[in-house]
Protein backbone atom coordinates (compact mmCIF):
# COMPACT_ATOMS: atom_id res chain seq x y z
CA MET A 1 0.00 0.00 0.00
CA THR A 2 1.42 3.34 -1.04
CA ASP A 3 1.69 6.36 1.25
CA SER A 4 -1.11 8.02 -0.72
CA ASN A 5 -3.46 5.08 -0.13
CA ILE A 6 -2.59 5.00 3.56
CA ASN A 7 -3.34 8.69 3.88
CA ASN A 8 -6.63 8.26 2.03
CA MET A 9 -7.60 5.35 4.27
CA MET A 10 -6.77 7.33 7.43
CA SER A 11 -8.69 10.31 6.08
CA SER A 12 -11.71 8.07 5.42
CA ILE A 13 -11.59 6.57 8.92
CA ILE A 14 -11.21 9.97 10.58
CA GLY A 15 -13.93 11.52 8.45
CA ASN A 16 -16.50 8.70 8.50
CA GLY A 17 -15.53 6.89 11.67
CA VAL A 18 -15.95 3.15 12.25
CA ALA A 19 -18.77 0.99 13.57
CA PHE A 20 -18.32 -0.97 16.79
CA SER A 21 -19.72 -4.46 17.33
CA ASN A 22 -20.50 -3.78 21.01
CA ARG A 23 -22.76 -0.80 20.33
CA TYR A 24 -26.15 -2.40 19.76
CA GLU A 25 -29.55 -3.05 21.20
CA VAL A 26 -32.09 -5.82 20.61
CA GLN A 27 -35.73 -4.71 20.74
CA PHE A 28 -38.51 -7.22 21.29
CA TYR A 29 -42.13 -6.70 20.25
CA LEU A 30 -44.31 -9.37 21.81
CA PRO A 31 -47.58 -10.77 20.44
CA SER A 32 -50.46 -8.91 22.07
CA ASP A 33 -52.20 -12.14 23.20
CA PHE A 34 -49.02 -13.33 24.88
CA MET A 35 -48.79 -10.28 27.16
CA GLY A 36 -51.31 -11.84 29.53
CA HIS A 37 -49.20 -14.98 29.92
CA GLU A 38 -45.45 -14.82 30.54
CA GLY A 39 -45.07 -11.53 28.71
CA SER A 40 -44.66 -8.23 30.51
CA LEU A 41 -42.96 -4.90 29.94
CA ASP A 42 -40.43 -5.71 32.68
CA ASN A 43 -39.56 -9.00 31.00
CA ILE A 44 -39.07 -7.27 27.65
CA ARG A 45 -36.66 -4.68 29.00
CA ASN A 46 -34.80 -7.28 31.03
CA LEU A 47 -34.27 -9.41 27.91
CA GLU A 48 -32.99 -6.43 25.95
CA LEU A 49 -30.47 -5.53 28.64
CA ARG A 50 -29.22 -9.12 28.96
CA ALA A 51 -28.81 -9.91 25.26
CA GLU A 52 -25.06 -10.56 25.40
CA SER A 53 -24.51 -11.45 21.76
CA VAL A 54 -26.53 -11.39 18.56
CA THR A 55 -25.89 -11.53 14.82
CA ILE A 56 -27.38 -9.20 12.22
CA PRO A 57 -28.87 -11.64 9.68
CA GLY A 58 -27.93 -11.68 6.03
CA ARG A 59 -29.66 -12.62 2.81
CA SER A 60 -28.81 -13.87 -0.67
CA LEU A 61 -30.28 -14.54 -4.10
CA SER A 62 -30.98 -17.90 -5.68
CA THR A 63 -29.75 -18.04 -9.25
CA THR A 64 -30.27 -20.32 -12.21
CA PRO A 65 -27.85 -20.67 -15.14
CA TYR A 66 -28.95 -19.56 -18.61
CA ARG A 67 -26.85 -20.24 -21.65
CA PHE A 68 -27.50 -18.40 -24.90
CA TYR A 69 -24.04 -18.28 -26.41
CA GLY A 70 -20.69 -18.79 -24.73
CA PRO A 71 -20.31 -19.05 -20.93
CA ALA A 72 -23.56 -19.32 -19.00
CA ARG A 73 -25.01 -16.38 -17.12
CA ASN A 74 -26.64 -16.85 -13.71
CA PHE A 75 -29.91 -14.95 -13.31
CA PRO A 76 -31.45 -14.36 -9.86
CA TYR A 77 -35.02 -15.56 -9.37
CA GLU A 78 -35.62 -15.70 -5.59
CA GLN A 79 -34.63 -13.84 -2.42
CA LEU A 80 -33.32 -16.03 0.38
CA TYR A 81 -33.06 -15.08 4.05
CA SER A 82 -31.05 -16.96 6.64
CA GLY A 83 -34.34 -17.50 8.48
CA GLU A 84 -32.82 -18.02 11.93
CA ILE A 85 -30.78 -16.06 14.43
CA SER A 86 -29.45 -17.02 17.85
CA ILE A 87 -29.22 -14.71 20.83
CA SER A 88 -27.26 -15.43 24.00
CA PHE A 89 -28.74 -14.04 27.21
CA ILE A 90 -27.05 -13.55 30.58
CA VAL A 91 -29.41 -15.37 32.92
CA SER A 92 -30.90 -13.83 36.08
CA ALA A 93 -30.56 -15.54 39.46
CA ASN A 94 -34.15 -16.84 39.22
CA LEU A 95 -33.76 -17.90 35.55
CA SER A 96 -36.61 -15.57 34.56
CA GLU A 97 -35.31 -15.51 30.97
CA ARG A 98 -35.60 -19.29 30.71
CA HIS A 99 -39.11 -19.19 32.20
CA PHE A 100 -40.09 -16.47 29.73
CA PHE A 101 -39.13 -18.45 26.62
CA GLU A 102 -40.54 -21.67 28.04
CA GLY A 103 -43.83 -19.79 28.35
CA TRP A 104 -43.61 -18.50 24.77
CA LEU A 105 -43.00 -22.02 23.44
CA ASN A 106 -45.95 -23.29 25.50
CA PHE A 107 -48.03 -20.50 23.96
CA ILE A 108 -47.06 -21.80 20.51
CA SER A 109 -47.66 -25.46 21.28
CA ASN A 110 -49.68 -26.70 24.24
CA PRO A 111 -47.45 -29.15 26.18
CA ASN A 112 -50.48 -31.07 27.44
CA ASN A 113 -52.49 -31.77 24.28
CA TYR A 114 -49.67 -30.98 21.76
CA LYS A 115 -51.90 -28.74 19.66
CA PHE A 116 -50.47 -25.64 18.03
CA ASN A 117 -51.81 -22.12 18.32
CA TYR A 118 -52.74 -20.01 15.30
CA TYR A 119 -49.68 -18.64 13.49
CA ASP A 120 -50.76 -15.00 13.76
CA LYS A 121 -51.18 -15.40 17.53
CA TYR A 122 -47.56 -16.18 18.40
CA ILE A 123 -45.46 -14.37 15.79
CA SER A 124 -44.04 -10.94 16.50
CA LYS A 125 -41.29 -8.53 15.46
CA MET A 126 -37.73 -7.98 16.55
CA ALA A 127 -35.29 -5.18 15.79
CA ILE A 128 -31.50 -5.31 15.97
CA VAL A 129 -30.25 -1.74 16.30
CA LEU A 130 -26.66 -0.67 15.69
CA LEU A 131 -25.68 2.48 17.57
CA ASP A 132 -22.83 4.95 17.27
CA ARG A 133 -20.78 6.37 20.14
CA THR A 134 -23.53 8.90 20.90
CA ASN A 135 -26.23 6.18 21.04
CA ARG A 136 -27.74 7.40 17.78
CA MET A 137 -29.30 4.74 15.54
CA VAL A 138 -27.24 4.18 12.41
CA PHE A 139 -28.67 0.85 11.23
CA VAL A 140 -31.87 -1.00 12.08
CA SER A 141 -32.63 -4.55 10.95
CA GLU A 142 -36.32 -5.24 11.56
CA LEU A 143 -37.21 -8.93 11.56
CA GLU A 144 -40.76 -9.95 10.68
CA GLU A 145 -42.86 -12.93 11.79
CA VAL A 146 -40.50 -13.84 14.62
CA TYR A 147 -40.97 -16.61 17.17
CA PRO A 148 -38.59 -18.69 19.33
CA LYS A 149 -37.76 -21.99 17.64
CA SER A 150 -35.49 -23.61 20.21
CA ILE A 151 -34.12 -23.08 23.71
CA GLY A 152 -30.53 -24.19 24.11
CA ASP A 153 -29.17 -26.51 26.77
CA ILE A 154 -27.62 -25.10 29.95
CA SER A 155 -24.47 -26.88 31.04
CA LEU A 156 -23.86 -27.24 34.79
CA GLY A 157 -20.88 -28.66 36.67
CA TYR A 158 -19.03 -28.51 39.97
CA ASP A 159 -15.92 -27.31 38.15
CA LYS A 160 -17.73 -24.19 36.84
CA ASN A 161 -16.98 -22.09 39.91
CA ASP A 162 -18.33 -18.51 39.62
CA GLU A 163 -19.14 -19.08 35.94
CA ILE A 164 -22.11 -17.05 34.73
CA ILE A 165 -24.96 -19.03 33.18
CA LYS A 166 -25.94 -18.02 29.68
CA GLN A 167 -29.02 -19.07 27.76
CA GLU A 168 -29.01 -19.34 23.97
CA VAL A 169 -32.32 -19.02 22.15
CA THR A 170 -32.78 -19.55 18.41
CA PHE A 171 -35.49 -17.49 16.70
CA HIS A 172 -37.11 -18.09 13.35
CA PHE A 173 -38.08 -15.16 11.12
CA ARG A 174 -39.56 -14.88 7.65
CA LYS A 175 -37.67 -11.87 6.34
CA TYR A 176 -36.14 -8.59 7.44
CA THR A 177 -36.10 -5.00 6.27
CA VAL A 178 -33.33 -2.47 6.79
CA GLN A 179 -33.97 1.00 8.15
CA GLU A 180 -30.88 3.22 8.05
CA GLY A 181 -31.05 5.10 11.32
CA ARG A 182 -34.83 5.45 11.16
CA ALA A 183 -37.03 4.64 14.12
CA ILE A 184 -39.50 1.79 13.84
CA GLN A 185 -42.74 1.12 15.64
CA GLY A 186 -42.15 1.62 19.37
CA VAL A 187 -39.25 4.08 18.94
CA ASN A 188 -39.78 7.79 18.42
CA ASP A 189 -37.89 10.16 16.11
CA ARG A 190 -35.30 11.01 18.77
CA GLY A 191 -34.40 7.37 19.25
CA ILE A 192 -36.15 7.14 22.62
CA ILE A 193 -37.57 3.68 23.14
CA ASP A 194 -41.25 3.32 23.84
CA PRO A 195 -41.63 0.57 26.46
CA LEU A 196 -45.02 -0.54 25.13
CA ARG A 197 -43.67 -3.04 22.66
CA ILE A 198 -46.76 -4.94 21.57
CA THR A 199 -47.12 -6.14 18.01
CA LYS A 200 -50.33 -4.95 16.37
CA GLU A 201 -49.35 -4.76 12.69
CA PRO A 202 -49.48 -6.05 9.99
CA PRO A 203 -53.04 -7.43 9.91
CA PRO A 204 -53.07 -11.11 10.80
CA PRO A 205 -52.88 -13.81 8.13
CA PRO A 206 -55.77 -16.26 7.78
CA ARG A 207 -56.75 -18.02 10.99
CA VAL A 208 -56.10 -21.57 9.82
CA PRO A 209 -54.83 -24.16 12.34
CA LEU A 210 -51.29 -25.03 11.30
CA TYR A 211 -51.02 -28.36 13.10
CA PRO A 212 -51.52 -31.81 11.59
CA GLY A 213 -55.12 -32.93 11.70
CA GLY A 214 -56.57 -29.41 11.56
CA ASN A 215 -59.99 -29.24 9.92
CA LEU A 216 -59.56 -27.38 6.62
CA ALA A 217 -62.66 -28.75 4.92
CA ASN A 218 -64.67 -25.53 5.16
CA THR A 219 -61.83 -23.15 4.29
CA ASP A 220 -62.36 -20.96 1.24
CA PHE A 221 -58.75 -20.72 0.02
CA ASP A 222 -59.63 -18.59 -3.01
CA ASP A 223 -61.10 -15.96 -0.68
CA ILE A 224 -58.06 -16.16 1.58
CA ALA A 225 -55.64 -15.76 -1.33
CA THR A 226 -57.51 -12.71 -2.62
CA LYS A 227 -57.80 -11.03 0.79
CA TYR A 228 -54.20 -11.51 1.87
CA SER A 229 -52.35 -11.48 -1.46
CA LYS A 230 -50.81 -8.07 -0.77
CA TYR A 231 -49.03 -9.46 2.30
CA LEU A 232 -47.55 -12.44 0.44
CA ILE A 233 -44.41 -10.69 -0.76
């Protein structure tokens, strides 16, 4: 690298700064029907403060080769999202974080009769917010149709003296949108977080039981497709 390139690089870093991987916040937006179960505003804020590590998800394009003349060209035909993210939480002394996600999973699937709730009842939103040194939002990844998919194991042992317990939770999401420093639902224009994080939008998809054996005989799928086609992006 020449002296000129080094000077240009230093000028770019000084002028535009750098992003730091420890300046972030995870924002949870719970399903409204779940708030009466394990969900509460205190639980939400506690989870956000104890989210020790998280990954901003990525996406890609599926391509198919097309050969007209000479080397083939790959044309994109589908957007692909990673579909899952894992978050590691520092666990409270009473394991309230573990209880919270156990309750959410029970809300999805009843542990007694093994039936599943309606999809629109248990999905929610999540936002991963990257902050600068002044706590200003510079990047917001808003995940849609989020729900916990798995709760990780917790390893115990007599040799783990004074070791902090951490809980890993894997979430499924359908897709995400990127907001460059713009507030989303629940956060005002100044970046101040509104504690009332309850998902109310978008309108729910069709209320069809999504568990095996559900009675779909009387479902008018043509009507459903017409009514909700604008949400099937």
